[in-house]
């Protein structure tokens, strides 16, 4: 831009300042404040979009992007307030006093919100899990769909999105079922003692055939064949742990396949139970015929 154009622009701004000051002494300050607000808003939008683009290019976790946006907002608010105090020549004691008053009001009226914000910062910094991890938080489980300063979003087995306050995340035990690029999900199946079968028979007749059928049908959706472990035996029955392996971020597939595998195993169990009960029924009928 030529020097003459810059000089004309400066003179035009000076004339505008003089004109506004003639109308009211504080009017130029108001105009400058509005200009700063517009500039700050413009810069905020540019920086916010830049954070989003950089996050996509570098595959940055969503909760890290949220943290950067939070820092940007706090910085924007601080710069705006500081500019207003400088423009209107306000004493800094007002800023300190008003900050203390606002802090006290927030502390008394929104203690739970403050605790949640602190917990959110803890979750973001400590990173017990990432977006698309499958976790169990207390008695709730699901795939992490988002981490914000207030809530953690879980996609639950009921196919709903559940928002958990970050205070619950911080105070409950967190089990991350996602590692090595897969969801390693374990669930239990119980078999009553009413059917006289050994553990090896349950495995050979009910579990292993179900694994073969299930894995051959859904091999492309799984990372490896399911596994089983004997868990415990109590008065009412015995329990086996079943473990399946689903690619990370595929919670919907997990929910569907887990239910299907359980159904195949229990169908095998029901078939075997009926077969073993038929001789007893035939013997009962024979006894009734003799009597």
C-alpha atoms as a PDB file:
ATOM      1  CA  UNK A   1       0.000   0.000   0.000  1.00  0.00           C
ATOM      2  CA  UNK A   2       1.455   3.418  -0.958  1.00  0.00           C
ATOM      3  CA  UNK A   3       2.469   5.809   1.791  1.00  0.00           C
ATOM      4  CA  UNK A   4      -0.047   8.385   0.584  1.00  0.00           C
ATOM      5  CA  UNK A   5      -2.921   5.910   1.030  1.00  0.00           C
ATOM      6  CA  UNK A   6      -1.766   5.079   4.570  1.00  0.00           C
ATOM      7  CA  UNK A   7      -1.552   8.800   5.393  1.00  0.00           C
ATOM      8  CA  UNK A   8      -5.070   9.425   4.057  1.00  0.00           C
ATOM      9  CA  UNK A   9      -6.403   6.516   6.132  1.00  0.00           C
ATOM     10  CA  UNK A  10      -4.768   7.869   9.275  1.00  0.00           C
ATOM     11  CA  UNK A  11      -6.171  11.345   8.637  1.00  0.00           C
ATOM     12  CA  UNK A  12      -9.652   9.890   8.025  1.00  0.00           C
ATOM     13  CA  UNK A  13      -9.506   7.982  11.307  1.00  0.00           C
ATOM     14  CA  UNK A  14      -8.347  11.090  13.115  1.00  0.00           C
ATOM     15  CA  UNK A  15     -11.239  13.093  11.659  1.00  0.00           C
ATOM     16  CA  UNK A  16     -13.666  10.346  12.706  1.00  0.00           C
ATOM     17  CA  UNK A  17     -12.222  10.350  16.226  1.00  0.00           C
ATOM     18  CA  UNK A  18     -12.612  14.128  16.459  1.00  0.00           C
ATOM     19  CA  UNK A  19     -16.180  13.951  15.149  1.00  0.00           C
ATOM     20  CA  UNK A  20     -17.188  11.246  17.654  1.00  0.00           C
ATOM     21  CA  UNK A  21     -15.498  13.107  20.509  1.00  0.00           C
ATOM     22  CA  UNK A  22     -17.498  16.215  19.616  1.00  0.00           C
ATOM     23  CA  UNK A  23     -20.715  14.234  19.987  1.00  0.00           C
ATOM     24  CA  UNK A  24     -19.698  12.692  23.338  1.00  0.00           C
ATOM     25  CA  UNK A  25     -16.270  12.454  25.016  1.00  0.00           C
ATOM     26  CA  UNK A  26     -16.594   8.688  25.611  1.00  0.00           C
ATOM     27  CA  UNK A  27     -17.951   7.834  22.178  1.00  0.00           C
ATOM     28  CA  UNK A  28     -14.493   7.255  20.594  1.00  0.00           C
ATOM     29  CA  UNK A  29     -13.664   4.792  23.370  1.00  0.00           C
ATOM     30  CA  UNK A  30     -16.888   2.915  22.690  1.00  0.00           C
ATOM     31  CA  UNK A  31     -16.048   2.790  18.986  1.00  0.00           C
ATOM     32  CA  UNK A  32     -12.539   1.509  19.722  1.00  0.00           C
ATOM     33  CA  UNK A  33     -14.011  -1.122  22.088  1.00  0.00           C
ATOM     34  CA  UNK A  34     -16.389  -2.348  19.413  1.00  0.00           C
ATOM     35  CA  UNK A  35     -13.525  -2.540  16.943  1.00  0.00           C
ATOM     36  CA  UNK A  36     -11.440  -4.579  19.380  1.00  0.00           C
ATOM     37  CA  UNK A  37     -14.381  -6.901  20.014  1.00  0.00           C
ATOM     38  CA  UNK A  38     -14.789  -7.473  16.277  1.00  0.00           C
ATOM     39  CA  UNK A  39     -11.052  -8.092  15.851  1.00  0.00           C
ATOM     40  CA  UNK A  40     -10.907 -10.508  18.807  1.00  0.00           C
ATOM     41  CA  UNK A  41     -13.956 -12.411  17.522  1.00  0.00           C
ATOM     42  CA  UNK A  42     -12.386 -12.658  14.059  1.00  0.00           C
ATOM     43  CA  UNK A  43      -9.062 -13.909  15.436  1.00  0.00           C
ATOM     44  CA  UNK A  44     -10.858 -16.369  17.735  1.00  0.00           C
ATOM     45  CA  UNK A  45     -12.723 -17.939  14.800  1.00  0.00           C
ATOM     46  CA  UNK A  46      -9.525 -18.234  12.757  1.00  0.00           C
ATOM     47  CA  UNK A  47      -7.569 -19.828  15.623  1.00  0.00           C
ATOM     48  CA  UNK A  48     -10.445 -22.165  16.485  1.00  0.00           C
ATOM     49  CA  UNK A  49     -10.628 -23.406  12.890  1.00  0.00           C
ATOM     50  CA  UNK A  50      -6.843 -23.756  12.801  1.00  0.00           C
ATOM     51  CA  UNK A  51      -6.956 -25.987  15.888  1.00  0.00           C
ATOM     52  CA  UNK A  52      -9.612 -28.157  14.235  1.00  0.00           C
ATOM     53  CA  UNK A  53      -7.641 -28.463  10.969  1.00  0.00           C
ATOM     54  CA  UNK A  54      -4.380 -29.239  12.757  1.00  0.00           C
ATOM     55  CA  UNK A  55      -6.171 -31.850  14.838  1.00  0.00           C
ATOM     56  CA  UNK A  56      -7.470 -33.608  11.725  1.00  0.00           C
ATOM     57  CA  UNK A  57      -4.136 -33.475   9.918  1.00  0.00           C
ATOM     58  CA  UNK A  58      -2.106 -34.784  12.858  1.00  0.00           C
ATOM     59  CA  UNK A  59      -4.770 -37.219  14.173  1.00  0.00           C
ATOM     60  CA  UNK A  60      -4.946 -35.417  17.532  1.00  0.00           C
ATOM     61  CA  UNK A  61      -7.382 -36.803  20.118  1.00  0.00           C
ATOM     62  CA  UNK A  62     -10.652 -34.934  20.422  1.00  0.00           C
ATOM     63  CA  UNK A  63     -10.195 -34.181  24.107  1.00  0.00           C
ATOM     64  CA  UNK A  64      -6.842 -32.497  23.378  1.00  0.00           C
ATOM     65  CA  UNK A  65      -8.598 -30.291  20.829  1.00  0.00           C
ATOM     66  CA  UNK A  66     -11.208 -29.422  23.463  1.00  0.00           C
ATOM     67  CA  UNK A  67      -8.431 -28.490  25.900  1.00  0.00           C
ATOM     68  CA  UNK A  68      -6.792 -26.194  23.349  1.00  0.00           C
ATOM     69  CA  UNK A  69     -10.158 -24.547  22.637  1.00  0.00           C
ATOM     70  CA  UNK A  70     -10.704 -24.027  26.361  1.00  0.00           C
ATOM     71  CA  UNK A  71      -7.300 -22.347  26.693  1.00  0.00           C
ATOM     72  CA  UNK A  72      -8.114 -20.194  23.667  1.00  0.00           C
ATOM     73  CA  UNK A  73     -11.441 -19.090  25.199  1.00  0.00           C
ATOM     74  CA  UNK A  74      -9.875 -18.223  28.551  1.00  0.00           C
ATOM     75  CA  UNK A  75      -7.113 -16.288  26.801  1.00  0.00           C
ATOM     76  CA  UNK A  76      -9.634 -14.449  24.628  1.00  0.00           C
ATOM     77  CA  UNK A  77     -11.716 -13.427  27.629  1.00  0.00           C
ATOM     78  CA  UNK A  78      -8.627 -12.258  29.516  1.00  0.00           C
ATOM     79  CA  UNK A  79      -7.349 -10.177  26.583  1.00  0.00           C
ATOM     80  CA  UNK A  80     -10.779  -8.597  26.026  1.00  0.00           C
ATOM     81  CA  UNK A  81     -11.234  -7.629  29.678  1.00  0.00           C
ATOM     82  CA  UNK A  82      -7.696  -6.228  29.868  1.00  0.00           C
ATOM     83  CA  UNK A  83      -8.295  -4.130  26.726  1.00  0.00           C
ATOM     84  CA  UNK A  84     -11.524  -2.695  28.159  1.00  0.00           C
ATOM     85  CA  UNK A  85      -9.774  -1.682  31.379  1.00  0.00           C
ATOM     86  CA  UNK A  86      -7.001   0.021  29.395  1.00  0.00           C
ATOM     87  CA  UNK A  87      -9.360   1.858  27.037  1.00  0.00           C
ATOM     88  CA  UNK A  88     -11.675   3.217  29.731  1.00  0.00           C
ATOM     89  CA  UNK A  89      -8.816   3.858  32.223  1.00  0.00           C
ATOM     90  CA  UNK A  90     -10.462   1.727  34.884  1.00  0.00           C
ATOM     91  CA  UNK A  91      -8.466   1.041  38.067  1.00  0.00           C
ATOM     92  CA  UNK A  92      -7.029  -2.480  38.304  1.00  0.00           C
ATOM     93  CA  UNK A  93      -8.474  -2.780  41.813  1.00  0.00           C
ATOM     94  CA  UNK A  94     -11.909  -3.063  40.185  1.00  0.00           C
ATOM     95  CA  UNK A  95     -10.716  -6.030  38.195  1.00  0.00           C
ATOM     96  CA  UNK A  96      -9.272  -7.748  41.276  1.00  0.00           C
ATOM     97  CA  UNK A  97     -12.337  -6.977  43.392  1.00  0.00           C
ATOM     98  CA  UNK A  98     -14.829  -8.076  40.759  1.00  0.00           C
ATOM     99  CA  UNK A  99     -12.855 -11.265  40.123  1.00  0.00           C
ATOM    100  CA  UNK A 100     -12.906 -12.093  43.831  1.00  0.00           C
ATOM    101  CA  UNK A 101     -16.634 -11.367  44.032  1.00  0.00           C
ATOM    102  CA  UNK A 102     -17.436 -13.460  40.976  1.00  0.00           C
ATOM    103  CA  UNK A 103     -15.206 -16.261  42.258  1.00  0.00           C
ATOM    104  CA  UNK A 104     -16.963 -16.281  45.613  1.00  0.00           C
ATOM    105  CA  UNK A 105     -20.400 -16.313  43.961  1.00  0.00           C
ATOM    106  CA  UNK A 106     -19.396 -19.188  41.715  1.00  0.00           C
ATOM    107  CA  UNK A 107     -17.855 -21.032  44.640  1.00  0.00           C
ATOM    108  CA  UNK A 108     -21.003 -20.823  46.758  1.00  0.00           C
ATOM    109  CA  UNK A 109     -23.551 -21.325  44.000  1.00  0.00           C
ATOM    110  CA  UNK A 110     -21.800 -23.755  41.667  1.00  0.00           C
ATOM    111  CA  UNK A 111     -19.478 -25.888  43.763  1.00  0.00           C
ATOM    112  CA  UNK A 112     -20.556 -29.042  41.917  1.00  0.00           C
ATOM    113  CA  UNK A 113     -19.859 -27.402  38.557  1.00  0.00           C
ATOM    114  CA  UNK A 114     -16.417 -26.285  39.719  1.00  0.00           C
ATOM    115  CA  UNK A 115     -15.656 -29.805  40.956  1.00  0.00           C
ATOM    116  CA  UNK A 116     -16.738 -31.136  37.584  1.00  0.00           C
ATOM    117  CA  UNK A 117     -14.468 -28.684  35.756  1.00  0.00           C
ATOM    118  CA  UNK A 118     -11.504 -29.681  37.918  1.00  0.00           C
ATOM    119  CA  UNK A 119     -12.311 -33.352  37.334  1.00  0.00           C
ATOM    120  CA  UNK A 120     -12.535 -32.662  33.602  1.00  0.00           C
ATOM    121  CA  UNK A 121      -9.063 -31.134  33.588  1.00  0.00           C
ATOM    122  CA  UNK A 122      -7.792 -34.159  35.513  1.00  0.00           C
ATOM    123  CA  UNK A 123      -9.316 -36.583  32.980  1.00  0.00           C
ATOM    124  CA  UNK A 124      -7.902 -34.610  30.043  1.00  0.00           C
ATOM    125  CA  UNK A 125      -4.403 -34.361  31.537  1.00  0.00           C
ATOM    126  CA  UNK A 126      -4.104 -37.871  33.046  1.00  0.00           C
ATOM    127  CA  UNK A 127      -5.690 -39.549  29.978  1.00  0.00           C
ATOM    128  CA  UNK A 128      -6.985 -42.786  31.562  1.00  0.00           C
ATOM    129  CA  UNK A 129      -8.676 -43.416  28.210  1.00  0.00           C
ATOM    130  CA  UNK A 130      -9.025 -41.913  24.742  1.00  0.00           C
ATOM    131  CA  UNK A 131     -11.899 -41.294  22.383  1.00  0.00           C
ATOM    132  CA  UNK A 132     -13.075 -44.619  20.817  1.00  0.00           C
ATOM    133  CA  UNK A 133     -11.730 -46.662  23.735  1.00  0.00           C
ATOM    134  CA  UNK A 134     -14.124 -49.132  25.360  1.00  0.00           C
ATOM    135  CA  UNK A 135     -14.208 -48.569  29.115  1.00  0.00           C
ATOM    136  CA  UNK A 136     -16.044 -49.597  32.257  1.00  0.00           C
ATOM    137  CA  UNK A 137     -16.529 -46.735  34.742  1.00  0.00           C
ATOM    138  CA  UNK A 138     -18.019 -48.020  37.972  1.00  0.00           C
ATOM    139  CA  UNK A 139     -21.133 -49.965  36.993  1.00  0.00           C
ATOM    140  CA  UNK A 140     -21.404 -48.257  33.575  1.00  0.00           C
ATOM    141  CA  UNK A 141     -19.682 -49.351  30.392  1.00  0.00           C
ATOM    142  CA  UNK A 142     -19.484 -48.204  26.807  1.00  0.00           C
ATOM    143  CA  UNK A 143     -17.356 -46.737  24.053  1.00  0.00           C
ATOM    144  CA  UNK A 144     -15.968 -43.243  24.651  1.00  0.00           C
ATOM    145  CA  UNK A 145     -17.430 -40.920  22.031  1.00  0.00           C
ATOM    146  CA  UNK A 146     -16.272 -37.610  23.468  1.00  0.00           C
ATOM    147  CA  UNK A 147     -14.416 -36.017  26.376  1.00  0.00           C
ATOM    148  CA  UNK A 148     -15.286 -32.451  27.323  1.00  0.00           C
ATOM    149  CA  UNK A 149     -14.457 -30.325  30.328  1.00  0.00           C
ATOM    150  CA  UNK A 150     -17.758 -31.320  31.984  1.00  0.00           C
ATOM    151  CA  UNK A 151     -18.786 -34.742  30.685  1.00  0.00           C
ATOM    152  CA  UNK A 152     -17.518 -37.966  29.176  1.00  0.00           C
ATOM    153  CA  UNK A 153     -19.856 -39.382  26.503  1.00  0.00           C
ATOM    154  CA  UNK A 154     -20.323 -43.162  26.388  1.00  0.00           C
ATOM    155  CA  UNK A 155     -22.055 -45.206  23.677  1.00  0.00           C
ATOM    156  CA  UNK A 156     -23.635 -47.888  25.851  1.00  0.00           C
ATOM    157  CA  UNK A 157     -24.763 -51.493  25.122  1.00  0.00           C
ATOM    158  CA  UNK A 158     -28.351 -50.172  24.960  1.00  0.00           C
ATOM    159  CA  UNK A 159     -27.248 -48.224  21.816  1.00  0.00           C
ATOM    160  CA  UNK A 160     -27.739 -44.880  23.611  1.00  0.00           C
ATOM    161  CA  UNK A 161     -25.369 -42.006  24.337  1.00  0.00           C
ATOM    162  CA  UNK A 162     -24.806 -41.511  28.071  1.00  0.00           C
ATOM    163  CA  UNK A 163     -23.181 -38.376  29.509  1.00  0.00           C
ATOM    164  CA  UNK A 164     -21.199 -39.089  32.677  1.00  0.00           C
ATOM    165  CA  UNK A 165     -20.069 -36.169  34.868  1.00  0.00           C
ATOM    166  CA  UNK A 166     -16.299 -36.165  35.088  1.00  0.00           C
ATOM    167  CA  UNK A 167     -16.512 -36.211  38.894  1.00  0.00           C
ATOM    168  CA  UNK A 168     -17.834 -39.777  38.571  1.00  0.00           C
ATOM    169  CA  UNK A 169     -14.989 -40.649  36.235  1.00  0.00           C
ATOM    170  CA  UNK A 170     -12.453 -39.401  38.774  1.00  0.00           C
ATOM    171  CA  UNK A 171     -14.036 -41.077  41.815  1.00  0.00           C
ATOM    172  CA  UNK A 172     -14.855 -44.475  40.258  1.00  0.00           C
ATOM    173  CA  UNK A 173     -12.653 -47.324  39.151  1.00  0.00           C
ATOM    174  CA  UNK A 174     -11.922 -47.146  35.408  1.00  0.00           C
ATOM    175  CA  UNK A 175     -11.278 -50.326  33.413  1.00  0.00           C
ATOM    176  CA  UNK A 176     -10.017 -49.756  29.873  1.00  0.00           C
ATOM    177  CA  UNK A 177     -10.826 -52.792  27.716  1.00  0.00           C
ATOM    178  CA  UNK A 178      -9.046 -51.361  24.660  1.00  0.00           C
ATOM    179  CA  UNK A 179      -5.385 -52.014  23.985  1.00  0.00           C
ATOM    180  CA  UNK A 180      -3.220 -53.150  21.082  1.00  0.00           C
ATOM    181  CA  UNK A 181      -5.791 -51.742  18.668  1.00  0.00           C
ATOM    182  CA  UNK A 182      -8.683 -53.951  19.768  1.00  0.00           C
ATOM    183  CA  UNK A 183     -11.536 -54.227  22.253  1.00  0.00           C
ATOM    184  CA  UNK A 184     -10.799 -57.246  24.441  1.00  0.00           C
ATOM    185  CA  UNK A 185     -14.195 -57.805  25.981  1.00  0.00           C
ATOM    186  CA  UNK A 186     -14.896 -60.450  28.632  1.00  0.00           C
ATOM    187  CA  UNK A 187     -18.322 -61.607  29.817  1.00  0.00           C
ATOM    188  CA  UNK A 188     -19.608 -64.516  31.900  1.00  0.00           C
ATOM    189  CA  UNK A 189     -22.017 -67.352  31.147  1.00  0.00           C
ATOM    190  CA  UNK A 190     -23.525 -69.558  33.859  1.00  0.00           C
ATOM    191  CA  UNK A 191     -24.472 -73.247  33.567  1.00  0.00           C
ATOM    192  CA  UNK A 192     -26.639 -74.774  36.347  1.00  0.00           C
ATOM    193  CA  UNK A 193     -25.682 -78.011  38.123  1.00  0.00           C
ATOM    194  CA  UNK A 194     -29.125 -79.462  37.373  1.00  0.00           C
ATOM    195  CA  UNK A 195     -27.675 -81.024  34.223  1.00  0.00           C
ATOM    196  CA  UNK A 196     -24.992 -83.604  35.144  1.00  0.00           C
ATOM    197  CA  UNK A 197     -22.149 -82.539  32.834  1.00  0.00           C
ATOM    198  CA  UNK A 198     -18.446 -82.176  33.464  1.00  0.00           C
ATOM    199  CA  UNK A 199     -16.651 -78.911  32.692  1.00  0.00           C
ATOM    200  CA  UNK A 200     -14.843 -80.600  29.801  1.00  0.00           C
ATOM    201  CA  UNK A 201     -18.171 -81.754  28.387  1.00  0.00           C
ATOM    202  CA  UNK A 202     -19.602 -78.227  28.538  1.00  0.00           C
ATOM    203  CA  UNK A 203     -16.535 -76.951  26.697  1.00  0.00           C
ATOM    204  CA  UNK A 204     -16.517 -79.712  24.052  1.00  0.00           C
ATOM    205  CA  UNK A 205     -20.278 -79.817  23.446  1.00  0.00           C
ATOM    206  CA  UNK A 206     -21.487 -76.240  24.031  1.00  0.00           C
ATOM    207  CA  UNK A 207     -18.641 -73.726  23.892  1.00  0.00           C
ATOM    208  CA  UNK A 208     -16.104 -74.931  21.317  1.00  0.00           C
ATOM    209  CA  UNK A 209     -18.683 -75.775  18.602  1.00  0.00           C
ATOM    210  CA  UNK A 210     -20.246 -72.357  19.169  1.00  0.00           C
ATOM    211  CA  UNK A 211     -16.822 -70.730  18.731  1.00  0.00           C
ATOM    212  CA  UNK A 212     -16.256 -72.604  15.455  1.00  0.00           C
ATOM    213  CA  UNK A 213     -19.645 -71.615  14.052  1.00  0.00           C
ATOM    214  CA  UNK A 214     -19.371 -68.028  15.252  1.00  0.00           C
ATOM    215  CA  UNK A 215     -15.811 -67.396  14.060  1.00  0.00           C
ATOM    216  CA  UNK A 216     -16.344 -68.916  10.611  1.00  0.00           C
ATOM    217  CA  UNK A 217     -19.425 -66.731  10.170  1.00  0.00           C
ATOM    218  CA  UNK A 218     -17.915 -63.440  11.394  1.00  0.00           C
ATOM    219  CA  UNK A 219     -14.178 -63.877  10.815  1.00  0.00           C
ATOM    220  CA  UNK A 220     -13.906 -60.580   8.936  1.00  0.00           C
ATOM    221  CA  UNK A 221     -15.406 -58.657  11.884  1.00  0.00           C
ATOM    222  CA  UNK A 222     -13.067 -60.119  14.505  1.00  0.00           C
ATOM    223  CA  UNK A 223      -9.353 -59.893  15.118  1.00  0.00           C
ATOM    224  CA  UNK A 224      -8.997 -63.441  16.492  1.00  0.00           C
ATOM    225  CA  UNK A 225     -10.990 -66.455  17.613  1.00  0.00           C
ATOM    226  CA  UNK A 226     -12.893 -66.132  20.926  1.00  0.00           C
ATOM    227  CA  UNK A 227     -11.408 -67.636  24.076  1.00  0.00           C
ATOM    228  CA  UNK A 228     -12.881 -69.233  27.191  1.00  0.00           C
ATOM    229  CA  UNK A 229     -11.764 -69.676  30.805  1.00  0.00           C
ATOM    230  CA  UNK A 230     -13.324 -71.503  33.717  1.00  0.00           C
ATOM    231  CA  UNK A 231     -14.308 -68.898  36.326  1.00  0.00           C
ATOM    232  CA  UNK A 232     -15.934 -70.478  39.385  1.00  0.00           C
ATOM    233  CA  UNK A 233     -18.370 -73.091  40.649  1.00  0.00           C
ATOM    234  CA  UNK A 234     -20.978 -72.356  43.327  1.00  0.00           C
ATOM    235  CA  UNK A 235     -24.056 -74.090  44.681  1.00  0.00           C
ATOM    236  CA  UNK A 236     -26.392 -73.026  41.887  1.00  0.00           C
ATOM    237  CA  UNK A 237     -24.005 -73.573  38.963  1.00  0.00           C
ATOM    238  CA  UNK A 238     -20.639 -72.964  37.372  1.00  0.00           C
ATOM    239  CA  UNK A 239     -19.433 -69.983  35.390  1.00  0.00           C
ATOM    240  CA  UNK A 240     -17.193 -69.577  32.355  1.00  0.00           C
ATOM    241  CA  UNK A 241     -15.615 -66.376  31.111  1.00  0.00           C
ATOM    242  CA  UNK A 242     -15.913 -65.759  27.372  1.00  0.00           C
ATOM    243  CA  UNK A 243     -13.560 -63.330  25.662  1.00  0.00           C
ATOM    244  CA  UNK A 244     -14.050 -61.812  22.211  1.00  0.00           C
ATOM    245  CA  UNK A 245     -11.802 -59.488  20.201  1.00  0.00           C
ATOM    246  CA  UNK A 246     -13.297 -56.648  18.152  1.00  0.00           C
ATOM    247  CA  UNK A 247     -11.458 -53.805  16.333  1.00  0.00           C
ATOM    248  CA  UNK A 248     -11.143 -50.584  18.331  1.00  0.00           C
ATOM    249  CA  UNK A 249     -14.006 -48.153  17.820  1.00  0.00           C
ATOM    250  CA  UNK A 250     -16.507 -50.848  16.733  1.00  0.00           C
ATOM    251  CA  UNK A 251     -18.734 -50.906  19.826  1.00  0.00           C
ATOM    252  CA  UNK A 252     -21.894 -51.497  17.801  1.00  0.00           C
ATOM    253  CA  UNK A 253     -20.320 -54.612  16.302  1.00  0.00           C
ATOM    254  CA  UNK A 254     -19.301 -55.734  19.788  1.00  0.00           C
ATOM    255  CA  UNK A 255     -22.823 -55.410  21.157  1.00  0.00           C
ATOM    256  CA  UNK A 256     -24.294 -57.364  18.251  1.00  0.00           C
ATOM    257  CA  UNK A 257     -21.724 -60.176  18.173  1.00  0.00           C
ATOM    258  CA  UNK A 258     -21.573 -60.645  21.938  1.00  0.00           C
ATOM    259  CA  UNK A 259     -25.312 -61.270  22.073  1.00  0.00           C
ATOM    260  CA  UNK A 260     -25.138 -63.652  19.108  1.00  0.00           C
ATOM    261  CA  UNK A 261     -22.280 -65.704  20.555  1.00  0.00           C
ATOM    262  CA  UNK A 262     -24.067 -65.996  23.902  1.00  0.00           C
ATOM    263  CA  UNK A 263     -27.190 -67.179  22.099  1.00  0.00           C
ATOM    264  CA  UNK A 264     -25.308 -69.887  20.138  1.00  0.00           C
ATOM    265  CA  UNK A 265     -23.619 -71.235  23.281  1.00  0.00           C
ATOM    266  CA  UNK A 266     -26.847 -71.332  25.276  1.00  0.00           C
ATOM    267  CA  UNK A 267     -28.718 -72.955  22.365  1.00  0.00           C
ATOM    268  CA  UNK A 268     -26.116 -75.742  22.375  1.00  0.00           C
ATOM    269  CA  UNK A 269     -26.619 -76.065  26.117  1.00  0.00           C
ATOM    270  CA  UNK A 270     -30.417 -76.282  25.763  1.00  0.00           C
ATOM    271  CA  UNK A 271     -30.146 -78.967  23.062  1.00  0.00           C
ATOM    272  CA  UNK A 272     -27.853 -81.067  25.238  1.00  0.00           C
ATOM    273  CA  UNK A 273     -30.065 -80.546  28.285  1.00  0.00           C
ATOM    274  CA  UNK A 274     -33.126 -81.798  26.385  1.00  0.00           C
ATOM    275  CA  UNK A 275     -31.261 -84.817  25.075  1.00  0.00           C
ATOM    276  CA  UNK A 276     -30.209 -85.792  28.581  1.00  0.00           C
ATOM    277  CA  UNK A 277     -33.706 -85.327  29.963  1.00  0.00           C
ATOM    278  CA  UNK A 278     -35.396 -87.592  27.356  1.00  0.00           C
ATOM    279  CA  UNK A 279     -34.201 -90.949  28.820  1.00  0.00           C
ATOM    280  CA  UNK A 280     -35.460 -89.873  32.244  1.00  0.00           C
ATOM    281  CA  UNK A 281     -38.848 -88.976  30.776  1.00  0.00           C
ATOM    282  CA  UNK A 282     -39.054 -92.338  28.963  1.00  0.00           C
ATOM    283  CA  UNK A 283     -38.166 -94.185  32.149  1.00  0.00           C
ATOM    284  CA  UNK A 284     -40.822 -92.277  34.088  1.00  0.00           C
ATOM    285  CA  UNK A 285     -43.441 -93.232  31.487  1.00  0.00           C
ATOM    286  CA  UNK A 286     -42.354 -96.894  31.669  1.00  0.00           C
ATOM    287  CA  UNK A 287     -42.668 -96.910  35.458  1.00  0.00           C
ATOM    288  CA  UNK A 288     -46.116 -95.335  35.226  1.00  0.00           C
ATOM    289  CA  UNK A 289     -47.192 -98.003  32.678  1.00  0.00           C
ATOM    290  CA  UNK A 290     -46.029-100.857  34.927  1.00  0.00           C
ATOM    291  CA  UNK A 291     -47.841 -99.492  37.949  1.00  0.00           C
END
